[in-house]
Amino acid sequence: MVWSAKAFHPTGAVGAPPSARELDRSGFAWSRAKLRIAALALLVAAAPAALGIAASSPLVNGLSLAWLLIISALMDRLGRRAAACPVVLSIDHLGILDLRLMPRRIAWQEIAAICPVDLDHAHVVDLELRWPETTLAGARWRVRIGAYCQRAYGVPAVTISMLLLDGNVRDLLDMVAQHRPDLLDATNRR
């Protein structure tokens, strides 16, 4: 399902992306404040490279230029995320849809368990899948690696990050508890 800012704005006008509260707590949007902090961190990371370009050594100049190109590519990605579809993670009665991972929803029956989470410090939630290869078959290769890691090493196949989203891990687990509290670890149930 594709959502637009216009579909959620009460007047129908296109404006800022909806927050999780405006989406009736069913989804999470990119957090502009968190994206600004990430952009500032990238700017600070670029400062040494900018100073390195003034060096007389061609090797230092080349490395500094390469570093600045990497930083500019990351800044471009942050800008694209800020302008992209406002809702990237949604949770409903059908399952979990994280557009950053894959274009289709992970159905509740495909999730074996949600790993325990430290609600005060964690920024990610790990999912153990029942059939990781099948569930992640249509995902990008970086996501499909999780299926092999779960089978070979017993680590969770999917990690959902709340780091740049409007909300936190507690909000995510609260939404999961509304639909499938049995998947939550006992330490994360209320």
N, C-alpha and C. Protein backbone atom coordinates (compact mmCIF):
# COMPACT_ATOMS: atom_id res chain seq x y z
N MET A 1 0.85 -1.17 0.00
CA MET A 1 0.00 0.00 0.00
C MET A 1 0.89 1.23 0.00
N VAL A 2 0.59 2.21 -0.81
CA VAL A 2 1.36 3.44 -0.88
C VAL A 2 0.53 4.56 -0.27
N TRP A 3 1.13 5.26 0.65
CA TRP A 3 0.44 6.37 1.29
C TRP A 3 1.06 7.67 0.84
N SER A 4 0.25 8.67 0.75
CA SER A 4 0.77 9.99 0.43
C SER A 4 0.41 10.94 1.56
N ALA A 5 1.17 12.02 1.66
CA ALA A 5 0.88 13.01 2.70
C ALA A 5 -0.52 13.59 2.50
N LYS A 6 -0.94 13.71 1.25
CA LYS A 6 -2.25 14.27 0.95
C LYS A 6 -3.37 13.39 1.51
N ALA A 7 -3.17 12.08 1.49
CA ALA A 7 -4.21 11.17 1.97
C ALA A 7 -4.45 11.30 3.46
N PHE A 8 -3.47 11.79 4.21
CA PHE A 8 -3.61 11.84 5.65
C PHE A 8 -3.83 13.25 6.17
N HIS A 9 -3.63 14.26 5.38
CA HIS A 9 -3.81 15.62 5.84
C HIS A 9 -5.30 15.94 5.87
N PRO A 10 -5.80 16.49 7.00
CA PRO A 10 -7.23 16.73 7.13
C PRO A 10 -7.81 17.64 6.06
N THR A 11 -7.00 18.58 5.57
CA THR A 11 -7.52 19.49 4.55
C THR A 11 -7.26 18.98 3.14
N GLY A 12 -6.48 17.93 3.04
CA GLY A 12 -6.14 17.38 1.73
C GLY A 12 -4.93 18.05 1.10
N ALA A 13 -4.34 19.03 1.80
CA ALA A 13 -3.18 19.73 1.26
C ALA A 13 -1.93 18.91 1.50
N VAL A 14 -1.00 19.02 0.57
CA VAL A 14 0.26 18.31 0.73
C VAL A 14 1.15 19.18 1.60
N GLY A 15 1.69 18.59 2.65
CA GLY A 15 2.55 19.33 3.56
C GLY A 15 3.60 18.41 4.13
N ALA A 16 3.90 18.61 5.39
CA ALA A 16 4.89 17.78 6.07
C ALA A 16 4.38 16.35 6.17
N PRO A 17 5.28 15.39 6.20
CA PRO A 17 4.84 14.00 6.31
C PRO A 17 4.10 13.78 7.63
N PRO A 18 3.16 12.87 7.63
CA PRO A 18 2.39 12.63 8.84
C PRO A 18 3.25 11.97 9.91
N SER A 19 2.96 12.30 11.15
CA SER A 19 3.66 11.64 12.24
C SER A 19 2.95 10.33 12.55
N ALA A 20 3.54 9.56 13.43
CA ALA A 20 2.93 8.27 13.78
C ALA A 20 1.56 8.48 14.42
N ARG A 21 1.39 9.56 15.15
CA ARG A 21 0.09 9.84 15.77
C ARG A 21 -0.97 10.15 14.72
N GLU A 22 -0.59 10.88 13.68
CA GLU A 22 -1.54 11.20 12.61
C GLU A 22 -1.95 9.97 11.83
N LEU A 23 -1.09 8.96 11.82
CA LEU A 23 -1.39 7.73 11.09
C LEU A 23 -2.16 6.75 11.96
N ASP A 24 -2.74 7.25 13.05
CA ASP A 24 -3.51 6.41 13.95
C ASP A 24 -2.64 5.30 14.51
N ARG A 25 -1.35 5.64 14.72
CA ARG A 25 -0.40 4.73 15.35
C ARG A 25 -0.24 3.42 14.57
N SER A 26 -0.42 3.43 13.28
CA SER A 26 -0.24 2.21 12.50
C SER A 26 1.04 2.23 11.69
N GLY A 27 1.76 3.33 11.68
CA GLY A 27 2.97 3.40 10.89
C GLY A 27 3.94 4.43 11.42
N PHE A 28 5.17 4.35 10.91
CA PHE A 28 6.22 5.28 11.31
C PHE A 28 6.78 5.96 10.07
N ALA A 29 6.97 7.26 10.18
CA ALA A 29 7.53 8.07 9.11
C ALA A 29 8.98 8.41 9.43
N TRP A 30 9.67 8.96 8.44
CA TRP A 30 11.02 9.45 8.68
C TRP A 30 10.93 10.61 9.66
N SER A 31 11.83 10.69 10.60
CA SER A 31 11.89 11.79 11.55
C SER A 31 12.81 12.86 10.97
N ARG A 32 12.25 14.00 10.65
CA ARG A 32 13.07 15.07 10.08
C ARG A 32 14.13 15.56 11.08
N ALA A 33 13.78 15.58 12.36
CA ALA A 33 14.75 16.00 13.38
C ALA A 33 15.93 15.04 13.44
N LYS A 34 15.66 13.74 13.41
CA LYS A 34 16.74 12.75 13.44
C LYS A 34 17.56 12.78 12.16
N LEU A 35 16.92 13.04 11.02
CA LEU A 35 17.66 13.17 9.77
C LEU A 35 18.57 14.39 9.79
N ARG A 36 18.11 15.49 10.42
CA ARG A 36 18.94 16.69 10.54
C ARG A 36 20.18 16.39 11.38
N ILE A 37 20.01 15.65 12.47
CA ILE A 37 21.15 15.30 13.32
C ILE A 37 22.13 14.42 12.54
N ALA A 38 21.62 13.48 11.77
CA ALA A 38 22.49 12.62 10.95
C ALA A 38 23.25 13.46 9.91
N ALA A 39 22.58 14.43 9.31
CA ALA A 39 23.23 15.30 8.34
C ALA A 39 24.32 16.14 8.99
N LEU A 40 24.05 16.61 10.21
CA LEU A 40 25.06 17.38 10.94
C LEU A 40 26.28 16.50 11.27
N ALA A 41 26.04 15.26 11.65
CA ALA A 41 27.14 14.34 11.94
C ALA A 41 27.98 14.10 10.68
N LEU A 42 27.32 13.98 9.54
CA LEU A 42 28.07 13.81 8.28
C LEU A 42 28.88 15.05 7.94
N LEU A 43 28.31 16.21 8.21
CA LEU A 43 29.03 17.46 7.96
C LEU A 43 30.28 17.54 8.82
N VAL A 44 30.18 17.16 10.08
CA VAL A 44 31.34 17.15 10.97
C VAL A 44 32.37 16.13 10.48
N ALA A 45 31.89 14.98 9.99
CA ALA A 45 32.81 13.96 9.48
C ALA A 45 33.53 14.43 8.22
N ALA A 46 32.95 15.37 7.50
CA ALA A 46 33.58 15.87 6.28
C ALA A 46 34.65 16.93 6.56
N ALA A 47 34.62 17.53 7.74
CA ALA A 47 35.55 18.62 8.04
C ALA A 47 37.02 18.22 7.91
N PRO A 48 37.45 17.08 8.47
CA PRO A 48 38.87 16.72 8.30
C PRO A 48 39.28 16.53 6.84
N ALA A 49 38.38 16.00 6.04
CA ALA A 49 38.69 15.80 4.63
C ALA A 49 38.81 17.14 3.92
N ALA A 50 37.98 18.08 4.29
CA ALA A 50 38.07 19.42 3.68
C ALA A 50 39.41 20.07 4.02
N LEU A 51 39.87 19.85 5.23
CA LEU A 51 41.18 20.40 5.61
C LEU A 51 42.30 19.63 4.92
N GLY A 52 42.11 18.35 4.67
CA GLY A 52 43.14 17.53 4.03
C GLY A 52 43.39 17.90 2.58
N ILE A 53 42.40 18.51 1.93
CA ILE A 53 42.58 18.89 0.52
C ILE A 53 43.64 19.97 0.38
N ALA A 54 43.82 20.75 1.45
CA ALA A 54 44.84 21.80 1.40
C ALA A 54 46.25 21.24 1.54
N ALA A 55 46.38 19.96 1.83
CA ALA A 55 47.71 19.35 1.99
C ALA A 55 48.43 19.30 0.64
N SER A 56 49.74 19.25 0.72
CA SER A 56 50.53 19.27 -0.52
C SER A 56 50.71 17.88 -1.11
N SER A 57 50.49 16.84 -0.35
CA SER A 57 50.69 15.48 -0.83
C SER A 57 49.55 15.04 -1.75
N PRO A 58 49.86 14.51 -2.93
CA PRO A 58 48.80 14.06 -3.83
C PRO A 58 47.99 12.89 -3.25
N LEU A 59 48.63 12.04 -2.46
CA LEU A 59 47.92 10.92 -1.84
C LEU A 59 46.88 11.43 -0.84
N VAL A 60 47.27 12.39 -0.01
CA VAL A 60 46.33 12.96 0.97
C VAL A 60 45.19 13.69 0.24
N ASN A 61 45.53 14.41 -0.83
CA ASN A 61 44.50 15.10 -1.61
C ASN A 61 43.51 14.10 -2.20
N GLY A 62 44.02 13.00 -2.75
CA GLY A 62 43.15 11.99 -3.35
C GLY A 62 42.25 11.33 -2.32
N LEU A 63 42.82 10.96 -1.16
CA LEU A 63 42.02 10.35 -0.10
C LEU A 63 40.97 11.32 0.44
N SER A 64 41.35 12.58 0.58
CA SER A 64 40.40 13.60 1.07
C SER A 64 39.27 13.80 0.08
N LEU A 65 39.58 13.82 -1.19
CA LEU A 65 38.55 13.98 -2.20
C LEU A 65 37.61 12.78 -2.22
N ALA A 66 38.18 11.58 -2.10
CA ALA A 66 37.34 10.37 -2.05
C ALA A 66 36.42 10.40 -0.83
N TRP A 67 36.96 10.81 0.32
CA TRP A 67 36.14 10.91 1.53
C TRP A 67 35.01 11.92 1.35
N LEU A 68 35.30 13.05 0.74
CA LEU A 68 34.26 14.06 0.51
C LEU A 68 33.19 13.54 -0.45
N LEU A 69 33.57 12.77 -1.45
CA LEU A 69 32.59 12.19 -2.37
C LEU A 69 31.69 11.19 -1.64
N ILE A 70 32.26 10.40 -0.76
CA ILE A 70 31.45 9.45 0.03
C ILE A 70 30.47 10.21 0.93
N ILE A 71 30.96 11.24 1.58
CA ILE A 71 30.09 12.04 2.46
C ILE A 71 28.98 12.70 1.65
N SER A 72 29.30 13.22 0.47
CA SER A 72 28.26 13.86 -0.34
C SER A 72 27.22 12.84 -0.82
N ALA A 73 27.65 11.62 -1.12
CA ALA A 73 26.70 10.58 -1.51
C ALA A 73 25.78 10.23 -0.34
N LEU A 74 26.33 10.14 0.86
CA LEU A 74 25.51 9.87 2.04
C LEU A 74 24.54 11.02 2.33
N MET A 75 24.99 12.25 2.14
CA MET A 75 24.11 13.41 2.32
C MET A 75 22.97 13.37 1.30
N ASP A 76 23.29 12.98 0.08
CA ASP A 76 22.25 12.87 -0.95
C ASP A 76 21.22 11.81 -0.56
N ARG A 77 21.68 10.69 -0.02
CA ARG A 77 20.75 9.64 0.44
C ARG A 77 19.85 10.15 1.55
N LEU A 78 20.42 10.91 2.49
CA LEU A 78 19.58 11.46 3.56
C LEU A 78 18.54 12.41 2.99
N GLY A 79 18.93 13.22 2.02
CA GLY A 79 17.97 14.14 1.40
C GLY A 79 16.86 13.40 0.68
N ARG A 80 17.21 12.33 0.00
CA ARG A 80 16.19 11.52 -0.69
C ARG A 80 15.25 10.87 0.30
N ARG A 81 15.78 10.41 1.43
CA ARG A 81 14.92 9.80 2.44
C ARG A 81 13.94 10.81 3.02
N ALA A 82 14.41 12.03 3.23
CA ALA A 82 13.53 13.05 3.79
C ALA A 82 12.40 13.38 2.83
N ALA A 83 12.63 13.25 1.53
CA ALA A 83 11.61 13.58 0.54
C ALA A 83 10.81 12.37 0.09
N ALA A 84 11.21 11.18 0.53
CA ALA A 84 10.56 9.95 0.07
C ALA A 84 9.20 9.75 0.73
N CYS A 85 8.61 8.62 0.42
CA CYS A 85 7.34 8.22 0.99
C CYS A 85 7.39 8.39 2.50
N PRO A 86 6.47 9.12 3.07
CA PRO A 86 6.56 9.44 4.49
C PRO A 86 6.44 8.23 5.41
N VAL A 87 5.70 7.23 5.04
CA VAL A 87 5.53 6.06 5.90
C VAL A 87 6.38 4.92 5.36
N VAL A 88 7.37 4.52 6.16
CA VAL A 88 8.26 3.46 5.71
C VAL A 88 8.09 2.18 6.51
N LEU A 89 7.46 2.26 7.66
CA LEU A 89 7.25 1.09 8.51
C LEU A 89 5.82 1.12 9.01
N SER A 90 5.07 0.07 8.71
CA SER A 90 3.70 -0.01 9.21
C SER A 90 3.44 -1.39 9.80
N ILE A 91 2.57 -1.39 10.80
CA ILE A 91 2.22 -2.62 11.50
C ILE A 91 0.70 -2.66 11.58
N ASP A 92 0.13 -3.77 11.11
CA ASP A 92 -1.32 -3.91 11.18
C ASP A 92 -1.68 -5.36 11.42
N HIS A 93 -2.94 -5.69 11.25
CA HIS A 93 -3.40 -7.06 11.52
C HIS A 93 -2.82 -8.10 10.57
N LEU A 94 -2.23 -7.67 9.45
CA LEU A 94 -1.64 -8.60 8.49
C LEU A 94 -0.17 -8.88 8.76
N GLY A 95 0.53 -7.95 9.40
CA GLY A 95 1.94 -8.16 9.67
C GLY A 95 2.72 -6.86 9.70
N ILE A 96 4.01 -6.96 9.37
CA ILE A 96 4.92 -5.82 9.42
C ILE A 96 5.42 -5.53 8.01
N LEU A 97 5.28 -4.27 7.60
CA LEU A 97 5.78 -3.83 6.30
C LEU A 97 6.85 -2.77 6.54
N ASP A 98 8.09 -3.11 6.21
CA ASP A 98 9.20 -2.17 6.31
C ASP A 98 9.75 -1.98 4.90
N LEU A 99 9.42 -0.86 4.30
CA LEU A 99 9.81 -0.61 2.91
C LEU A 99 11.32 -0.46 2.74
N ARG A 100 12.04 -0.24 3.82
CA ARG A 100 13.50 -0.16 3.73
C ARG A 100 14.09 -1.54 3.50
N LEU A 101 13.38 -2.58 3.94
CA LEU A 101 13.89 -3.94 3.82
C LEU A 101 13.42 -4.64 2.56
N MET A 102 12.11 -4.59 2.33
CA MET A 102 11.53 -5.31 1.21
C MET A 102 10.18 -4.72 0.85
N PRO A 103 9.72 -4.93 -0.39
CA PRO A 103 8.49 -4.30 -0.84
C PRO A 103 7.21 -4.99 -0.35
N ARG A 104 7.34 -6.17 0.25
CA ARG A 104 6.14 -6.87 0.71
C ARG A 104 6.14 -6.99 2.23
N ARG A 105 4.96 -7.23 2.74
CA ARG A 105 4.74 -7.36 4.17
C ARG A 105 5.25 -8.71 4.68
N ILE A 106 5.82 -8.72 5.87
CA ILE A 106 6.17 -9.96 6.56
C ILE A 106 4.93 -10.34 7.37
N ALA A 107 4.27 -11.41 6.97
CA ALA A 107 3.03 -11.82 7.64
C ALA A 107 3.35 -12.34 9.04
N TRP A 108 2.38 -12.21 9.93
CA TRP A 108 2.57 -12.64 11.31
C TRP A 108 2.95 -14.12 11.39
N GLN A 109 2.36 -14.95 10.55
CA GLN A 109 2.66 -16.38 10.62
C GLN A 109 4.09 -16.69 10.18
N GLU A 110 4.75 -15.76 9.50
CA GLU A 110 6.14 -15.97 9.09
C GLU A 110 7.14 -15.62 10.20
N ILE A 111 6.67 -14.94 11.24
CA ILE A 111 7.54 -14.51 12.34
C ILE A 111 7.46 -15.55 13.46
N ALA A 112 8.61 -16.12 13.81
CA ALA A 112 8.66 -17.11 14.89
C ALA A 112 8.69 -16.42 16.26
N ALA A 113 9.46 -15.34 16.37
CA ALA A 113 9.57 -14.63 17.65
C ALA A 113 10.18 -13.26 17.42
N ILE A 114 9.93 -12.39 18.37
CA ILE A 114 10.58 -11.08 18.41
C ILE A 114 11.53 -11.12 19.59
N CYS A 115 12.79 -10.87 19.35
CA CYS A 115 13.82 -11.01 20.38
C CYS A 115 13.64 -9.99 21.50
N PRO A 116 14.14 -10.31 22.70
CA PRO A 116 14.06 -9.36 23.82
C PRO A 116 14.79 -8.07 23.48
N VAL A 117 14.25 -6.96 23.98
CA VAL A 117 14.78 -5.64 23.68
C VAL A 117 14.92 -4.85 24.97
N ASP A 118 16.05 -4.13 25.12
CA ASP A 118 16.22 -3.19 26.22
C ASP A 118 15.52 -1.90 25.81
N LEU A 119 14.36 -1.64 26.38
CA LEU A 119 13.53 -0.52 25.94
C LEU A 119 14.18 0.85 26.20
N ASP A 120 15.11 0.92 27.11
CA ASP A 120 15.73 2.21 27.43
C ASP A 120 16.89 2.56 26.52
N HIS A 121 17.51 1.55 25.91
CA HIS A 121 18.73 1.84 25.14
C HIS A 121 18.71 1.35 23.69
N ALA A 122 17.83 0.45 23.36
CA ALA A 122 17.84 -0.16 22.02
C ALA A 122 17.21 0.76 20.97
N HIS A 123 17.70 0.62 19.75
CA HIS A 123 17.15 1.34 18.61
C HIS A 123 16.70 0.39 17.51
N VAL A 124 16.86 -0.92 17.75
CA VAL A 124 16.47 -1.92 16.76
C VAL A 124 15.66 -3.04 17.42
N VAL A 125 14.86 -3.70 16.59
CA VAL A 125 14.10 -4.87 17.01
C VAL A 125 14.46 -6.00 16.05
N ASP A 126 14.81 -7.15 16.61
CA ASP A 126 15.21 -8.30 15.80
C ASP A 126 14.07 -9.29 15.69
N LEU A 127 13.87 -9.82 14.47
CA LEU A 127 12.82 -10.80 14.21
C LEU A 127 13.45 -12.13 13.81
N GLU A 128 12.99 -13.20 14.45
CA GLU A 128 13.36 -14.55 14.02
C GLU A 128 12.23 -15.03 13.12
N LEU A 129 12.58 -15.51 11.95
CA LEU A 129 11.59 -15.96 10.98
C LEU A 129 11.46 -17.48 11.00
N ARG A 130 10.26 -17.96 10.70
CA ARG A 130 10.04 -19.41 10.63
C ARG A 130 10.71 -20.00 9.39
N TRP A 131 10.54 -19.34 8.26
CA TRP A 131 11.10 -19.79 6.98
C TRP A 131 11.88 -18.64 6.36
N PRO A 132 13.08 -18.35 6.87
CA PRO A 132 13.81 -17.16 6.44
C PRO A 132 14.09 -17.09 4.94
N GLU A 133 14.47 -18.21 4.33
CA GLU A 133 14.78 -18.17 2.89
C GLU A 133 13.54 -17.84 2.07
N THR A 134 12.40 -18.40 2.46
CA THR A 134 11.16 -18.15 1.72
C THR A 134 10.68 -16.72 1.93
N THR A 135 10.70 -16.27 3.18
CA THR A 135 10.21 -14.93 3.50
C THR A 135 11.06 -13.85 2.83
N LEU A 136 12.36 -14.03 2.81
CA LEU A 136 13.26 -13.00 2.28
C LEU A 136 13.65 -13.23 0.82
N ALA A 137 12.99 -14.15 0.14
CA ALA A 137 13.35 -14.49 -1.23
C ALA A 137 13.30 -13.30 -2.18
N GLY A 138 12.33 -12.42 -2.06
CA GLY A 138 12.21 -11.30 -2.99
C GLY A 138 12.92 -10.04 -2.54
N ALA A 139 13.64 -10.11 -1.42
CA ALA A 139 14.30 -8.92 -0.89
C ALA A 139 15.64 -8.69 -1.57
N ARG A 140 16.22 -7.51 -1.33
CA ARG A 140 17.55 -7.21 -1.84
C ARG A 140 18.58 -8.14 -1.21
N TRP A 141 19.72 -8.32 -1.83
CA TRP A 141 20.72 -9.27 -1.36
C TRP A 141 21.18 -8.96 0.06
N ARG A 142 21.26 -7.66 0.43
CA ARG A 142 21.71 -7.30 1.78
C ARG A 142 20.74 -7.80 2.84
N VAL A 143 19.46 -7.89 2.50
CA VAL A 143 18.45 -8.39 3.44
C VAL A 143 18.44 -9.92 3.42
N ARG A 144 18.60 -10.51 2.25
CA ARG A 144 18.60 -11.98 2.13
C ARG A 144 19.73 -12.63 2.90
N ILE A 145 20.82 -11.92 3.13
CA ILE A 145 21.93 -12.46 3.91
C ILE A 145 21.45 -12.87 5.30
N GLY A 146 20.46 -12.16 5.84
CA GLY A 146 19.92 -12.48 7.16
C GLY A 146 19.37 -13.89 7.24
N ALA A 147 18.78 -14.39 6.16
CA ALA A 147 18.24 -15.75 6.16
C ALA A 147 19.35 -16.76 6.38
N TYR A 148 20.46 -16.57 5.71
CA TYR A 148 21.58 -17.51 5.85
C TYR A 148 22.23 -17.38 7.23
N CYS A 149 22.28 -16.17 7.76
CA CYS A 149 22.85 -15.98 9.09
C CYS A 149 21.97 -16.64 10.15
N GLN A 150 20.64 -16.58 9.99
CA GLN A 150 19.76 -17.23 10.96
C GLN A 150 19.94 -18.74 10.92
N ARG A 151 20.00 -19.30 9.72
CA ARG A 151 20.16 -20.76 9.59
C ARG A 151 21.53 -21.23 10.09
N ALA A 152 22.59 -20.51 9.73
CA ALA A 152 23.94 -20.97 10.05
C ALA A 152 24.38 -20.64 11.48
N TYR A 153 24.02 -19.44 11.95
CA TYR A 153 24.56 -18.98 13.22
C TYR A 153 23.52 -18.75 14.31
N GLY A 154 22.24 -18.86 13.98
CA GLY A 154 21.19 -18.68 14.98
C GLY A 154 20.91 -17.23 15.35
N VAL A 155 21.37 -16.30 14.55
CA VAL A 155 21.06 -14.89 14.81
C VAL A 155 19.76 -14.53 14.10
N PRO A 156 19.03 -13.52 14.59
CA PRO A 156 17.77 -13.16 13.93
C PRO A 156 17.98 -12.76 12.47
N ALA A 157 17.02 -13.12 11.64
CA ALA A 157 17.14 -12.89 10.20
C ALA A 157 16.90 -11.44 9.80
N VAL A 158 16.02 -10.74 10.53
CA VAL A 158 15.63 -9.38 10.14
C VAL A 158 15.82 -8.45 11.33
N THR A 159 16.37 -7.29 11.08
CA THR A 159 16.52 -6.25 12.09
C THR A 159 15.78 -5.01 11.61
N ILE A 160 14.86 -4.53 12.43
CA ILE A 160 14.10 -3.32 12.10
C ILE A 160 14.67 -2.18 12.94
N SER A 161 15.19 -1.17 12.26
CA SER A 161 15.81 -0.04 12.94
C SER A 161 14.81 1.10 13.10
N MET A 162 14.81 1.67 14.29
CA MET A 162 13.96 2.84 14.58
C MET A 162 14.82 4.10 14.67
N LEU A 163 16.09 4.00 14.31
CA LEU A 163 17.04 5.08 14.52
C LEU A 163 16.65 6.39 13.84
N LEU A 164 16.20 6.35 12.60
CA LEU A 164 15.85 7.58 11.87
C LEU A 164 14.34 7.77 11.69
N LEU A 165 13.55 6.99 12.42
CA LEU A 165 12.10 7.07 12.28
C LEU A 165 11.47 7.87 13.42
N ASP A 166 10.27 8.35 13.16
CA ASP A 166 9.51 9.13 14.13
C ASP A 166 8.86 8.15 15.12
N GLY A 167 9.57 7.82 16.16
CA GLY A 167 9.10 6.88 17.16
C GLY A 167 10.29 6.15 17.74
N ASN A 168 10.01 5.22 18.65
CA ASN A 168 11.09 4.46 19.26
C ASN A 168 10.70 3.00 19.35
N VAL A 169 11.57 2.21 19.91
CA VAL A 169 11.35 0.77 20.00
C VAL A 169 10.12 0.46 20.85
N ARG A 170 9.91 1.22 21.89
CA ARG A 170 8.74 1.01 22.75
C ARG A 170 7.45 1.18 21.95
N ASP A 171 7.39 2.21 21.10
CA ASP A 171 6.21 2.43 20.25
C ASP A 171 5.99 1.25 19.31
N LEU A 172 7.08 0.75 18.74
CA LEU A 172 7.00 -0.38 17.82
C LEU A 172 6.46 -1.63 18.54
N LEU A 173 7.00 -1.92 19.71
CA LEU A 173 6.55 -3.09 20.45
C LEU A 173 5.11 -2.94 20.94
N ASP A 174 4.70 -1.71 21.24
CA ASP A 174 3.30 -1.48 21.62
C ASP A 174 2.36 -1.82 20.47
N MET A 175 2.76 -1.46 19.26
CA MET A 175 1.94 -1.79 18.09
C MET A 175 1.90 -3.30 17.84
N VAL A 176 3.03 -3.96 18.02
CA VAL A 176 3.06 -5.41 17.85
C VAL A 176 2.16 -6.06 18.90
N ALA A 177 2.20 -5.54 20.12
CA ALA A 177 1.39 -6.11 21.21
C ALA A 177 -0.10 -5.99 20.93
N GLN A 178 -0.51 -5.01 20.16
CA GLN A 178 -1.93 -4.87 19.80
C GLN A 178 -2.39 -6.00 18.91
N HIS A 179 -1.50 -6.52 18.07
CA HIS A 179 -1.88 -7.54 17.10
C HIS A 179 -1.41 -8.93 17.46
N ARG A 180 -0.18 -9.08 17.95
CA ARG A 180 0.39 -10.40 18.25
C ARG A 180 1.25 -10.34 19.50
N PRO A 181 0.66 -10.18 20.68
CA PRO A 181 1.47 -10.13 21.91
C PRO A 181 2.21 -11.43 22.19
N ASP A 182 1.74 -12.54 21.63
CA ASP A 182 2.40 -13.83 21.85
C ASP A 182 3.79 -13.89 21.24
N LEU A 183 4.11 -13.03 20.28
CA LEU A 183 5.43 -13.03 19.67
C LEU A 183 6.48 -12.31 20.50
N LEU A 184 6.03 -11.49 21.45
CA LEU A 184 6.95 -10.70 22.27
C LEU A 184 7.56 -11.56 23.37
N ASP A 185 8.81 -11.26 23.70
CA ASP A 185 9.47 -11.91 24.81
C ASP A 185 8.78 -11.46 26.11
N ALA A 186 8.81 -12.29 27.12
CA ALA A 186 8.14 -11.98 28.39
C ALA A 186 8.64 -10.68 28.99
N THR A 187 9.92 -10.34 28.79
CA THR A 187 10.46 -9.11 29.35
C THR A 187 9.91 -7.87 28.66
N ASN A 188 9.39 -8.00 27.46
CA ASN A 188 8.87 -6.85 26.72
C ASN A 188 7.35 -6.75 26.74
N ARG A 189 6.67 -7.66 27.42
CA ARG A 189 5.21 -7.57 27.54
C ARG A 189 4.87 -6.68 28.72
N ARG A 190 3.76 -5.96 28.59
CA ARG A 190 3.32 -5.12 29.71
C ARG A 190 2.11 -5.71 30.35
